[in-house]
Amino acid sequence: MGQVAKDFDLTETAVRQWVVQAERDAGTRADGLTTDEREELARLRRENRRLTEDVEILKRATAFFAKEIR
């Protein structure tokens, strides 16, 4: 790995991490998330954040309109 890192001007740590991630993606390692799982997790976190914001907006709107009716 050392020579590959030097050839591409990378750190050995970066190359090692790529190899480990490739092994996870290939199913030969089970000590972390695959790339697909990481992408899905990021998508779900974005969706959760958006839905949480939507709920907050609806709560504020409900409170506002409740005041207007009184």
Protein backbone atom coordinates (compact mmCIF):
# COMPACT_ATOMS: atom_id res chain seq x y z
CA MET A 1 0.00 0.00 0.00
CA GLY A 2 2.87 2.32 0.68
CA GLN A 3 4.01 2.37 -2.94
CA VAL A 4 0.47 2.92 -4.22
CA ALA A 5 0.09 5.87 -1.86
CA LYS A 6 3.37 7.35 -3.07
CA ASP A 7 2.51 6.76 -6.74
CA PHE A 8 -0.75 8.68 -6.39
CA ASP A 9 0.48 11.22 -3.83
CA LEU A 10 -1.88 9.96 -1.13
CA THR A 11 -1.44 9.04 2.47
CA GLU A 12 -1.24 5.37 3.38
CA THR A 13 -4.15 5.94 5.74
CA ALA A 14 -6.38 7.11 2.88
CA VAL A 15 -5.50 4.09 0.74
CA ARG A 16 -6.04 1.76 3.71
CA GLN A 17 -9.48 3.29 4.36
CA TRP A 18 -10.44 2.86 0.70
CA VAL A 19 -9.42 -0.80 0.83
CA VAL A 20 -11.41 -1.39 4.02
CA GLN A 21 -14.47 0.33 2.50
CA ALA A 22 -14.14 -1.73 -0.68
CA GLU A 23 -14.04 -4.88 1.45
CA ARG A 24 -17.22 -3.79 3.26
CA ASP A 25 -18.93 -3.10 -0.05
CA ALA A 26 -17.87 -6.52 -1.34
CA GLY A 27 -19.26 -8.19 1.76
CA THR A 28 -15.94 -9.51 3.04
CA ARG A 29 -16.02 -7.23 6.11
CA ALA A 30 -18.88 -6.62 8.49
CA ASP A 31 -17.38 -4.01 10.81
CA GLY A 32 -19.07 -0.96 9.35
CA LEU A 33 -21.56 0.42 6.87
CA THR A 34 -21.34 -0.21 3.14
CA THR A 35 -21.28 2.77 0.80
CA ASP A 36 -24.93 2.15 -0.09
CA GLU A 37 -25.87 2.07 3.59
CA ARG A 38 -23.96 5.30 4.23
CA GLU A 39 -25.75 7.00 1.33
CA GLU A 40 -29.14 5.77 2.56
CA LEU A 41 -28.36 6.94 6.10
CA ALA A 42 -27.42 10.40 4.81
CA ARG A 43 -30.63 10.55 2.73
CA LEU A 44 -32.76 9.50 5.69
CA ARG A 45 -31.09 12.08 7.95
CA ARG A 46 -31.81 14.83 5.39
CA GLU A 47 -35.42 13.66 5.09
CA ASN A 48 -35.80 13.52 8.88
CA ARG A 49 -34.42 17.05 9.21
CA ARG A 50 -36.86 18.33 6.55
CA LEU A 51 -39.84 16.59 8.16
CA THR A 52 -38.88 17.90 11.58
CA GLU A 53 -38.76 21.43 10.14
CA ASP A 54 -42.17 20.89 8.51
CA VAL A 55 -43.66 19.82 11.85
CA GLU A 56 -42.22 22.91 13.55
CA ILE A 57 -43.72 25.16 10.87
CA LEU A 58 -47.12 23.51 11.30
CA LYS A 59 -46.94 23.92 15.08
CA ARG A 60 -46.20 27.63 14.70
CA ALA A 61 -48.96 28.06 12.13
CA THR A 62 -51.45 26.28 14.38
CA ALA A 63 -50.51 28.50 17.30
CA PHE A 64 -50.78 31.62 15.13
CA PHE A 65 -54.21 30.75 13.76
CA ALA A 66 -55.45 29.70 17.20
CA LYS A 67 -54.66 33.24 18.41
CA GLU A 68 -56.47 34.79 15.43
CA ILE A 69 -59.67 32.89 16.14
CA ARG A 70 -59.92 34.04 19.76
